[in-house]
Amino acid sequence: MRVLVTGSSKGIGKAISERFLKEGHEVIGFDLLPASINHPLYKHYVLDISKKKNLPSLEGIEIIINNAGKQNDNDITNNLVGSMNVTEKYAFQPSIKAVLFNASASAHSGFEFPEYVASKAGLIGYMKNVAVRLAEYGATANSISLGGVLTDSNAPVLENEECWNEIMDATPLKKWATLEEVCDWIYFLTIVNKSASGQDVLIDNGEYNLNSTFVWPKR
């Protein structure tokens, strides 16, 4: 498969890219940062997806993983508009098999920063629109709404004992997802899955449905 991953230089995006490469797929990465992956099947573009004119001409994209996102940094433009630009540019063509969006558990609960919540909720609505339009190609579109994930970007709470204990008190399964687990979900929804489309999968260790909260260090 020819896979396009946005936000591929670190965190979830890098882990996703490495998982697809490990499975023998070709991966094209978009990021504001330079490449952090060295692999013969990987090609990297340094660009800003929020600007349509920056997107290169690419043929035969089969899977799109809209992972790139920011928090408290023009979230609507970066998280929502950027993902829309990428999807509209590359998805609607005969080679497409699956599109996946990285939304957020916060889109369900509302417990986070205002623009971030709005941008991620917008992604879920847009995903459903994409699913309807991709049906004629026999392709799927879905999203995942992650709760806590063990990444460097969450260091402010992972390294703060008080915050971490408060989070665990509100998390029924008493853990956060690993990058490996997130990659398993994404690989399943884009490669294995052929029938589920227009679905948002909430992956938050039970926090939203059983006990919604949002914890972050006080400024």
C-alpha atoms as a PDB file:
ATOM      1  CA  MET A   1       0.000   0.000   0.000  1.00  0.00           C
ATOM      2  CA  ARG A   2       1.023   3.614  -0.564  1.00  0.00           C
ATOM      3  CA  VAL A   3       0.387   5.359   2.746  1.00  0.00           C
ATOM      4  CA  LEU A   4       0.369   9.087   3.526  1.00  0.00           C
ATOM      5  CA  VAL A   5       0.907  10.053   7.181  1.00  0.00           C
ATOM      6  CA  THR A   6       0.737  13.642   8.403  1.00  0.00           C
ATOM      7  CA  GLY A   7       2.684  14.693  11.483  1.00  0.00           C
ATOM      8  CA  SER A   8       5.156  11.871  10.852  1.00  0.00           C
ATOM      9  CA  SER A   9       8.299  13.185  12.573  1.00  0.00           C
ATOM     10  CA  LYS A  10       7.501  12.348  16.188  1.00  0.00           C
ATOM     11  CA  GLY A  11       5.035  10.827  18.604  1.00  0.00           C
ATOM     12  CA  ILE A  12       2.028   8.959  17.229  1.00  0.00           C
ATOM     13  CA  GLY A  13       2.768   9.903  13.617  1.00  0.00           C
ATOM     14  CA  LYS A  14       6.301   8.536  13.747  1.00  0.00           C
ATOM     15  CA  ALA A  15       5.133   5.336  15.421  1.00  0.00           C
ATOM     16  CA  ILE A  16       2.436   4.855  12.782  1.00  0.00           C
ATOM     17  CA  SER A  17       4.911   5.410   9.957  1.00  0.00           C
ATOM     18  CA  GLU A  18       7.352   2.918  11.434  1.00  0.00           C
ATOM     19  CA  ARG A  19       4.582   0.324  11.868  1.00  0.00           C
ATOM     20  CA  PHE A  20       3.529   0.551   8.225  1.00  0.00           C
ATOM     21  CA  LEU A  21       7.135   0.424   7.066  1.00  0.00           C
ATOM     22  CA  LYS A  22       7.713  -2.661   9.210  1.00  0.00           C
ATOM     23  CA  GLU A  23       4.752  -4.298   7.464  1.00  0.00           C
ATOM     24  CA  GLY A  24       6.297  -3.562   4.051  1.00  0.00           C
ATOM     25  CA  HIS A  25       4.209  -0.571   2.975  1.00  0.00           C
ATOM     26  CA  GLU A  26       5.492   2.580   1.260  1.00  0.00           C
ATOM     27  CA  VAL A  27       5.082   5.635   3.496  1.00  0.00           C
ATOM     28  CA  ILE A  28       5.032   9.314   2.584  1.00  0.00           C
ATOM     29  CA  GLY A  29       5.358  11.658   5.555  1.00  0.00           C
ATOM     30  CA  PHE A  30       4.310  15.302   5.897  1.00  0.00           C
ATOM     31  CA  ASP A  31       5.565  17.375   8.829  1.00  0.00           C
ATOM     32  CA  LEU A  32       6.752  20.842   9.773  1.00  0.00           C
ATOM     33  CA  LEU A  33       9.856  19.139  11.172  1.00  0.00           C
ATOM     34  CA  PRO A  34      12.620  17.333   9.250  1.00  0.00           C
ATOM     35  CA  ALA A  35      12.475  13.576   8.762  1.00  0.00           C
ATOM     36  CA  SER A  36      13.279  11.392  11.771  1.00  0.00           C
ATOM     37  CA  ILE A  37      12.929   8.116   9.854  1.00  0.00           C
ATOM     38  CA  ASN A  38      15.584   6.640   7.595  1.00  0.00           C
ATOM     39  CA  HIS A  39      14.092   3.828   5.500  1.00  0.00           C
ATOM     40  CA  PRO A  40      14.180   3.002   1.770  1.00  0.00           C
ATOM     41  CA  LEU A  41      10.368   2.962   1.583  1.00  0.00           C
ATOM     42  CA  TYR A  42       9.957   6.314   3.339  1.00  0.00           C
ATOM     43  CA  LYS A  43       9.777   9.722   1.646  1.00  0.00           C
ATOM     44  CA  HIS A  44       9.472  12.914   3.674  1.00  0.00           C
ATOM     45  CA  TYR A  45       8.139  16.388   2.859  1.00  0.00           C
ATOM     46  CA  VAL A  46       8.679  19.369   5.150  1.00  0.00           C
ATOM     47  CA  LEU A  47       5.555  21.478   4.715  1.00  0.00           C
ATOM     48  CA  ASP A  48       2.554  23.139   6.349  1.00  0.00           C
ATOM     49  CA  ILE A  49      -0.639  21.232   5.492  1.00  0.00           C
ATOM     50  CA  SER A  50      -2.809  24.193   6.517  1.00  0.00           C
ATOM     51  CA  LYS A  51      -1.797  25.883   3.248  1.00  0.00           C
ATOM     52  CA  LYS A  52      -3.223  24.137   0.168  1.00  0.00           C
ATOM     53  CA  LYS A  53      -0.548  25.505  -2.133  1.00  0.00           C
ATOM     54  CA  ASN A  54       2.144  23.609  -0.192  1.00  0.00           C
ATOM     55  CA  LEU A  55       0.767  20.165  -0.990  1.00  0.00           C
ATOM     56  CA  PRO A  56       2.758  18.312  -3.670  1.00  0.00           C
ATOM     57  CA  SER A  57       1.304  16.284  -6.534  1.00  0.00           C
ATOM     58  CA  LEU A  58       1.181  12.635  -5.451  1.00  0.00           C
ATOM     59  CA  GLU A  59      -0.344   9.793  -7.424  1.00  0.00           C
ATOM     60  CA  GLY A  60      -1.883   6.554  -6.244  1.00  0.00           C
ATOM     61  CA  ILE A  61      -2.304   7.270  -2.530  1.00  0.00           C
ATOM     62  CA  GLU A  62      -4.161   4.310  -1.027  1.00  0.00           C
ATOM     63  CA  ILE A  63      -4.309   5.160   2.667  1.00  0.00           C
ATOM     64  CA  ILE A  64      -4.384   8.584   4.321  1.00  0.00           C
ATOM     65  CA  ILE A  65      -3.763   8.944   8.041  1.00  0.00           C
ATOM     66  CA  ASN A  66      -4.590  12.478   9.154  1.00  0.00           C
ATOM     67  CA  ASN A  67      -2.573  12.542  12.349  1.00  0.00           C
ATOM     68  CA  ALA A  68      -0.984  16.021  12.412  1.00  0.00           C
ATOM     69  CA  GLY A  69      -2.299  18.352  15.062  1.00  0.00           C
ATOM     70  CA  LYS A  70      -1.439  21.103  17.511  1.00  0.00           C
ATOM     71  CA  GLN A  71      -2.688  22.215  20.890  1.00  0.00           C
ATOM     72  CA  ASN A  72      -3.268  25.906  21.609  1.00  0.00           C
ATOM     73  CA  ASP A  73      -1.677  26.969  18.315  1.00  0.00           C
ATOM     74  CA  ASN A  74      -4.331  27.946  15.755  1.00  0.00           C
ATOM     75  CA  ASP A  75      -5.974  24.572  16.381  1.00  0.00           C
ATOM     76  CA  ILE A  76      -8.860  25.037  13.933  1.00  0.00           C
ATOM     77  CA  THR A  77      -6.488  25.869  11.074  1.00  0.00           C
ATOM     78  CA  ASN A  78      -3.844  23.276  11.890  1.00  0.00           C
ATOM     79  CA  ASN A  79      -5.983  20.360  13.057  1.00  0.00           C
ATOM     80  CA  LEU A  80      -9.171  20.695  11.031  1.00  0.00           C
ATOM     81  CA  VAL A  81      -8.383  22.773   7.945  1.00  0.00           C
ATOM     82  CA  GLY A  82      -5.044  21.011   7.429  1.00  0.00           C
ATOM     83  CA  SER A  83      -6.688  17.579   7.510  1.00  0.00           C
ATOM     84  CA  MET A  84      -9.388  18.769   5.138  1.00  0.00           C
ATOM     85  CA  ASN A  85      -6.772  20.097   2.712  1.00  0.00           C
ATOM     86  CA  VAL A  86      -4.915  16.778   2.654  1.00  0.00           C
ATOM     87  CA  THR A  87      -8.063  14.702   2.299  1.00  0.00           C
ATOM     88  CA  GLU A  88      -9.580  16.792  -0.471  1.00  0.00           C
ATOM     89  CA  LYS A  89      -6.261  16.773  -2.362  1.00  0.00           C
ATOM     90  CA  TYR A  90      -5.501  13.040  -2.245  1.00  0.00           C
ATOM     91  CA  ALA A  91      -8.514  10.940  -1.191  1.00  0.00           C
ATOM     92  CA  PHE A  92     -11.074  11.127  -3.944  1.00  0.00           C
ATOM     93  CA  GLN A  93      -9.509   8.982  -6.632  1.00  0.00           C
ATOM     94  CA  PRO A  94      -9.696   5.313  -7.710  1.00  0.00           C
ATOM     95  CA  SER A  95      -6.655   4.070  -5.733  1.00  0.00           C
ATOM     96  CA  ILE A  96      -7.983   5.115  -2.324  1.00  0.00           C
ATOM     97  CA  LYS A  97      -8.753   2.354   0.196  1.00  0.00           C
ATOM     98  CA  ALA A  98      -9.039   4.088   3.580  1.00  0.00           C
ATOM     99  CA  VAL A  99      -8.854   7.472   5.307  1.00  0.00           C
ATOM    100  CA  LEU A 100      -8.380   7.777   9.059  1.00  0.00           C
ATOM    101  CA  PHE A 101      -8.523  10.863  11.277  1.00  0.00           C
ATOM    102  CA  ASN A 102      -6.890  11.273  14.679  1.00  0.00           C
ATOM    103  CA  ALA A 103      -9.647  13.030  16.645  1.00  0.00           C
ATOM    104  CA  SER A 104      -9.762  13.083  20.453  1.00  0.00           C
ATOM    105  CA  ALA A 105     -11.750  11.907  23.450  1.00  0.00           C
ATOM    106  CA  SER A 106     -12.058  15.627  24.212  1.00  0.00           C
ATOM    107  CA  ALA A 107     -14.343  15.957  21.188  1.00  0.00           C
ATOM    108  CA  HIS A 108     -16.826  13.829  23.139  1.00  0.00           C
ATOM    109  CA  SER A 109     -16.369  15.222  26.635  1.00  0.00           C
ATOM    110  CA  GLY A 110     -15.520  18.882  25.964  1.00  0.00           C
ATOM    111  CA  PHE A 111     -12.926  18.693  28.759  1.00  0.00           C
ATOM    112  CA  GLU A 112      -9.948  20.457  27.215  1.00  0.00           C
ATOM    113  CA  PHE A 113      -8.862  23.715  25.597  1.00  0.00           C
ATOM    114  CA  PRO A 114     -11.696  25.379  23.586  1.00  0.00           C
ATOM    115  CA  GLU A 115     -10.186  25.522  20.082  1.00  0.00           C
ATOM    116  CA  TYR A 116      -8.695  22.071  20.466  1.00  0.00           C
ATOM    117  CA  VAL A 117     -12.060  20.563  21.374  1.00  0.00           C
ATOM    118  CA  ALA A 118     -13.758  22.380  18.500  1.00  0.00           C
ATOM    119  CA  SER A 119     -11.129  21.302  15.975  1.00  0.00           C
ATOM    120  CA  LYS A 120     -11.310  17.644  16.994  1.00  0.00           C
ATOM    121  CA  ALA A 121     -15.110  17.593  17.079  1.00  0.00           C
ATOM    122  CA  GLY A 122     -15.020  19.126  13.604  1.00  0.00           C
ATOM    123  CA  LEU A 123     -12.803  16.275  12.433  1.00  0.00           C
ATOM    124  CA  ILE A 124     -15.416  13.717  13.464  1.00  0.00           C
ATOM    125  CA  GLY A 125     -18.151  15.559  11.565  1.00  0.00           C
ATOM    126  CA  TYR A 126     -15.936  15.941   8.512  1.00  0.00           C
ATOM    127  CA  MET A 127     -14.953  12.252   8.701  1.00  0.00           C
ATOM    128  CA  LYS A 128     -18.610  11.266   8.328  1.00  0.00           C
ATOM    129  CA  ASN A 129     -18.918  13.492   5.267  1.00  0.00           C
ATOM    130  CA  VAL A 130     -15.793  11.894   3.781  1.00  0.00           C
ATOM    131  CA  ALA A 131     -17.166   8.409   4.472  1.00  0.00           C
ATOM    132  CA  VAL A 132     -20.298   9.203   2.476  1.00  0.00           C
ATOM    133  CA  ARG A 133     -18.289  10.524  -0.476  1.00  0.00           C
ATOM    134  CA  LEU A 134     -15.730   7.712  -0.420  1.00  0.00           C
ATOM    135  CA  ALA A 135     -18.364   5.002  -0.593  1.00  0.00           C
ATOM    136  CA  GLU A 136     -18.470   5.193  -4.390  1.00  0.00           C
ATOM    137  CA  TYR A 137     -14.796   4.157  -4.419  1.00  0.00           C
ATOM    138  CA  GLY A 138     -15.423   1.229  -2.058  1.00  0.00           C
ATOM    139  CA  ALA A 139     -13.200   2.972   0.504  1.00  0.00           C
ATOM    140  CA  THR A 140     -13.690   3.574   4.217  1.00  0.00           C
ATOM    141  CA  ALA A 141     -13.280   6.651   6.407  1.00  0.00           C
ATOM    142  CA  ASN A 142     -13.122   6.446  10.190  1.00  0.00           C
ATOM    143  CA  SER A 143     -11.609   8.259  13.156  1.00  0.00           C
ATOM    144  CA  ILE A 144     -10.115   7.370  16.492  1.00  0.00           C
ATOM    145  CA  SER A 145     -10.729   9.472  19.582  1.00  0.00           C
ATOM    146  CA  LEU A 146      -7.826   8.869  21.911  1.00  0.00           C
ATOM    147  CA  GLY A 147      -7.767   9.610  25.594  1.00  0.00           C
ATOM    148  CA  GLY A 148      -4.398   9.584  27.302  1.00  0.00           C
ATOM    149  CA  VAL A 149      -1.455   8.174  25.354  1.00  0.00           C
ATOM    150  CA  LEU A 150       2.075   7.598  26.674  1.00  0.00           C
ATOM    151  CA  THR A 151       3.934  10.125  24.497  1.00  0.00           C
ATOM    152  CA  ASP A 152       6.514  12.833  25.142  1.00  0.00           C
ATOM    153  CA  SER A 153       3.917  15.526  24.447  1.00  0.00           C
ATOM    154  CA  ASN A 154       2.055  14.445  27.590  1.00  0.00           C
ATOM    155  CA  ALA A 155       5.121  14.853  29.803  1.00  0.00           C
ATOM    156  CA  PRO A 156       3.497  17.737  31.780  1.00  0.00           C
ATOM    157  CA  VAL A 157       1.109  15.246  33.389  1.00  0.00           C
ATOM    158  CA  LEU A 158       3.141  12.045  33.112  1.00  0.00           C
ATOM    159  CA  GLU A 159       5.933  13.646  35.139  1.00  0.00           C
ATOM    160  CA  ASN A 160       3.632  15.378  37.627  1.00  0.00           C
ATOM    161  CA  GLU A 161       2.735  12.895  40.373  1.00  0.00           C
ATOM    162  CA  GLU A 162      -0.244  14.889  41.626  1.00  0.00           C
ATOM    163  CA  CYS A 163      -1.750  15.211  38.138  1.00  0.00           C
ATOM    164  CA  TRP A 164      -1.051  11.579  37.278  1.00  0.00           C
ATOM    165  CA  ASN A 165      -2.720  10.308  40.456  1.00  0.00           C
ATOM    166  CA  GLU A 166      -5.743  12.495  39.764  1.00  0.00           C
ATOM    167  CA  ILE A 167      -5.968  11.127  36.210  1.00  0.00           C
ATOM    168  CA  MET A 168      -5.728   7.525  37.392  1.00  0.00           C
ATOM    169  CA  ASP A 169      -8.463   8.163  39.948  1.00  0.00           C
ATOM    170  CA  ALA A 170     -10.729   9.131  37.049  1.00  0.00           C
ATOM    171  CA  THR A 171      -9.646   6.346  34.674  1.00  0.00           C
ATOM    172  CA  PRO A 172     -11.456   3.034  35.228  1.00  0.00           C
ATOM    173  CA  LEU A 173      -8.768   0.831  33.624  1.00  0.00           C
ATOM    174  CA  LYS A 174      -6.009   2.659  35.540  1.00  0.00           C
ATOM    175  CA  LYS A 175      -3.714   3.085  32.553  1.00  0.00           C
ATOM    176  CA  TRP A 176      -3.101   5.040  29.352  1.00  0.00           C
ATOM    177  CA  ALA A 177      -2.695   3.626  25.861  1.00  0.00           C
ATOM    178  CA  THR A 178       0.770   2.813  24.528  1.00  0.00           C
ATOM    179  CA  LEU A 179       1.949   3.867  21.081  1.00  0.00           C
ATOM    180  CA  GLU A 180       1.948   0.215  20.054  1.00  0.00           C
ATOM    181  CA  GLU A 181      -1.717  -0.120  20.973  1.00  0.00           C
ATOM    182  CA  VAL A 182      -2.622   3.030  19.038  1.00  0.00           C
ATOM    183  CA  CYS A 183      -0.785   1.698  15.988  1.00  0.00           C
ATOM    184  CA  ASP A 184      -2.683  -1.595  16.271  1.00  0.00           C
ATOM    185  CA  TRP A 185      -5.985   0.258  16.120  1.00  0.00           C
ATOM    186  CA  ILE A 186      -4.926   2.385  13.159  1.00  0.00           C
ATOM    187  CA  TYR A 187      -3.530  -0.573  11.239  1.00  0.00           C
ATOM    188  CA  PHE A 188      -6.721  -2.532  11.822  1.00  0.00           C
ATOM    189  CA  LEU A 189      -9.029   0.289  10.737  1.00  0.00           C
ATOM    190  CA  THR A 190      -7.083   1.067   7.549  1.00  0.00           C
ATOM    191  CA  ILE A 191      -5.728  -2.314   6.426  1.00  0.00           C
ATOM    192  CA  VAL A 192      -7.834  -5.104   7.960  1.00  0.00           C
ATOM    193  CA  ASN A 193     -11.192  -3.354   8.121  1.00  0.00           C
ATOM    194  CA  LYS A 194     -13.248  -3.342   4.920  1.00  0.00           C
ATOM    195  CA  SER A 195     -16.787  -2.748   6.184  1.00  0.00           C
ATOM    196  CA  ALA A 196     -16.868  -0.259   9.073  1.00  0.00           C
ATOM    197  CA  SER A 197     -17.064   3.314   7.760  1.00  0.00           C
ATOM    198  CA  GLY A 198     -18.192   6.623   9.212  1.00  0.00           C
ATOM    199  CA  GLN A 199     -17.295   5.398  12.707  1.00  0.00           C
ATOM    200  CA  ASP A 200     -15.450   7.157  15.507  1.00  0.00           C
ATOM    201  CA  VAL A 201     -13.726   4.735  17.885  1.00  0.00           C
ATOM    202  CA  LEU A 202     -13.313   6.062  21.423  1.00  0.00           C
ATOM    203  CA  ILE A 203     -10.101   4.672  22.972  1.00  0.00           C
ATOM    204  CA  ASP A 204      -9.736   6.148  26.450  1.00  0.00           C
ATOM    205  CA  ASN A 205      -9.627   3.282  28.962  1.00  0.00           C
ATOM    206  CA  GLY A 206     -13.217   3.980  29.952  1.00  0.00           C
ATOM    207  CA  GLU A 207     -12.671   7.566  31.068  1.00  0.00           C
ATOM    208  CA  TYR A 208     -15.431   9.290  29.064  1.00  0.00           C
ATOM    209  CA  ASN A 209     -18.263   6.802  29.294  1.00  0.00           C
ATOM    210  CA  LEU A 210     -17.616   6.016  32.924  1.00  0.00           C
ATOM    211  CA  ASN A 211     -16.115   9.185  34.400  1.00  0.00           C
ATOM    212  CA  SER A 212     -15.251  12.284  32.300  1.00  0.00           C
ATOM    213  CA  THR A 213     -12.509  14.648  33.421  1.00  0.00           C
ATOM    214  CA  PHE A 214      -9.502  16.581  32.125  1.00  0.00           C
ATOM    215  CA  VAL A 215      -6.352  17.170  34.167  1.00  0.00           C
ATOM    216  CA  TRP A 216      -3.477  19.544  33.338  1.00  0.00           C
ATOM    217  CA  PRO A 217      -0.959  21.376  35.521  1.00  0.00           C
ATOM    218  CA  LYS A 218      -2.119  24.775  36.762  1.00  0.00           C
ATOM    219  CA  ARG A 219      -0.264  27.695  35.187  1.00  0.00           C
END
